[in-house]
Amino acid sequence: MSSEDGIKKLLDAERTAQKIVADARQDRVQKLKKAVEEAEKEIKEFREKKDKEYKEYESKYLGASSETASQLATNANKEIETIRTATAANKEKVVDLLIKYAITCDN
């Protein structure tokens, strides 16, 4: 019976080894899944941080450029109005001078 006991012990040892290997594989798979989840979480946090920084940068510099464009448009409109006012004030003088020089001939 000692050979049967030896075979039984070998079979038990093999089953135990298979169980240990299976548990190790299961642990490895779980650790890998956990690592992937943590990496995805870190990537998401990093992306959110960079998006926030970009939006702050965008609002700081694009907001300033829209204000600058608004100021330029206002200044241009003021200058156009000044030119129109000056034109309206001097229109008669210019027309009179043109008529005078058109009629008068210097010989």
Protein backbone atom coordinates (compact mmCIF):
# COMPACT_ATOMS: atom_id res chain seq x y z
CA MET A 1 0.00 0.00 0.00
CA SER A 2 2.88 2.32 0.26
CA SER A 3 3.00 2.80 -3.51
CA GLU A 4 -0.70 3.74 -3.50
CA ASP A 5 -0.03 6.17 -0.67
CA GLY A 6 2.88 7.65 -2.66
CA ILE A 7 0.68 8.04 -5.76
CA LYS A 8 -2.07 9.60 -3.64
CA LYS A 9 0.42 12.05 -2.17
CA LEU A 10 1.70 12.93 -5.65
CA LEU A 11 -1.85 13.48 -6.92
CA ASP A 12 -2.66 15.64 -3.88
CA ALA A 13 0.56 17.60 -4.39
CA GLU A 14 -0.31 18.06 -8.09
CA ARG A 15 -3.82 19.30 -7.25
CA THR A 16 -2.38 21.66 -4.65
CA ALA A 17 0.15 22.96 -7.18
CA GLN A 18 -2.57 23.44 -9.80
CA LYS A 19 -4.68 25.35 -7.28
CA ILE A 20 -1.71 27.56 -6.34
CA VAL A 21 -1.01 28.27 -10.03
CA ALA A 22 -4.69 29.01 -10.72
CA ASP A 23 -4.87 31.35 -7.72
CA ALA A 24 -1.71 33.11 -8.84
CA ARG A 25 -3.12 33.59 -12.34
CA GLN A 26 -6.38 34.92 -10.88
CA ASP A 27 -4.45 37.36 -8.67
CA ARG A 28 -2.38 38.49 -11.64
CA VAL A 29 -5.51 39.15 -13.70
CA GLN A 30 -7.11 41.11 -10.84
CA LYS A 31 -3.96 43.16 -10.28
CA LEU A 32 -3.75 43.90 -14.00
CA LYS A 33 -7.39 45.05 -14.08
CA LYS A 34 -6.81 47.22 -11.03
CA ALA A 35 -3.70 48.76 -12.62
CA VAL A 36 -5.61 49.50 -15.83
CA GLU A 37 -8.45 51.15 -13.87
CA GLU A 38 -5.99 53.29 -11.90
CA ALA A 39 -4.18 54.31 -15.07
CA GLU A 40 -7.46 55.28 -16.74
CA LYS A 41 -8.40 57.30 -13.65
CA GLU A 42 -5.04 59.12 -13.71
CA ILE A 43 -5.40 59.81 -17.44
CA LYS A 44 -8.89 61.21 -16.90
CA GLU A 45 -7.70 63.47 -14.06
CA PHE A 46 -4.74 64.66 -16.14
CA ARG A 47 -6.99 65.38 -19.14
CA GLU A 48 -9.45 67.33 -16.96
CA LYS A 49 -6.59 69.34 -15.43
CA LYS A 50 -5.15 70.20 -18.86
CA ASP A 51 -8.60 71.08 -20.24
CA LYS A 52 -9.14 73.43 -17.31
CA GLU A 53 -5.74 75.05 -17.85
CA TYR A 54 -6.47 75.46 -21.56
CA LYS A 55 -9.86 77.05 -20.90
CA GLU A 56 -8.29 79.49 -18.43
CA TYR A 57 -5.59 80.36 -20.96
CA GLU A 58 -8.16 80.70 -23.72
CA SER A 59 -10.43 82.97 -21.70
CA LYS A 60 -7.47 85.08 -20.56
CA TYR A 61 -5.99 85.67 -24.00
CA LEU A 62 -8.97 85.35 -26.35
CA GLY A 63 -11.10 87.47 -24.04
CA ALA A 64 -8.43 90.17 -24.18
CA SER A 65 -8.26 90.01 -27.97
CA SER A 66 -12.04 90.40 -28.31
CA GLU A 67 -11.84 93.45 -26.03
CA THR A 68 -9.04 94.82 -28.19
CA ALA A 69 -11.08 94.24 -31.35
CA SER A 70 -14.02 96.00 -29.72
CA GLN A 71 -11.82 98.98 -28.79
CA LEU A 72 -10.41 99.14 -32.33
CA ALA A 73 -13.90 99.14 -33.80
CA THR A 74 -14.99 101.92 -31.42
CA ASN A 75 -11.92 104.03 -32.26
CA ALA A 76 -12.43 103.49 -35.99
CA ASN A 77 -16.08 104.56 -35.74
CA LYS A 78 -15.06 107.72 -33.83
CA GLU A 79 -12.50 108.63 -36.48
CA ILE A 80 -14.99 108.00 -39.28
CA GLU A 81 -17.50 110.28 -37.55
CA THR A 82 -14.83 112.98 -37.11
CA ILE A 83 -14.02 112.81 -40.83
CA ARG A 84 -17.71 113.00 -41.77
CA THR A 85 -18.18 116.04 -39.52
CA ALA A 86 -15.14 117.78 -41.03
CA THR A 87 -16.36 116.93 -44.54
CA ALA A 88 -19.82 118.32 -43.85
CA ALA A 89 -18.33 121.53 -42.37
CA ASN A 90 -15.94 122.16 -45.29
CA LYS A 91 -18.13 120.88 -48.13
CA GLU A 92 -19.37 124.30 -49.23
CA LYS A 93 -15.89 125.86 -49.14
CA VAL A 94 -14.45 123.06 -51.28
CA VAL A 95 -17.33 123.26 -53.80
CA ASP A 96 -16.94 127.07 -54.01
CA LEU A 97 -13.18 126.75 -54.60
CA LEU A 98 -13.71 124.14 -57.32
CA ILE A 99 -16.28 126.29 -59.08
CA LYS A 100 -14.05 129.36 -58.79
CA TYR A 101 -11.05 127.55 -60.32
CA ALA A 102 -13.20 125.94 -63.01
CA ILE A 103 -14.62 129.29 -64.08
CA THR A 104 -11.49 131.37 -63.75
CA CYS A 105 -8.93 130.98 -66.48
CA ASP A 106 -5.47 132.38 -66.01
CA ASN A 107 -3.85 133.58 -69.23
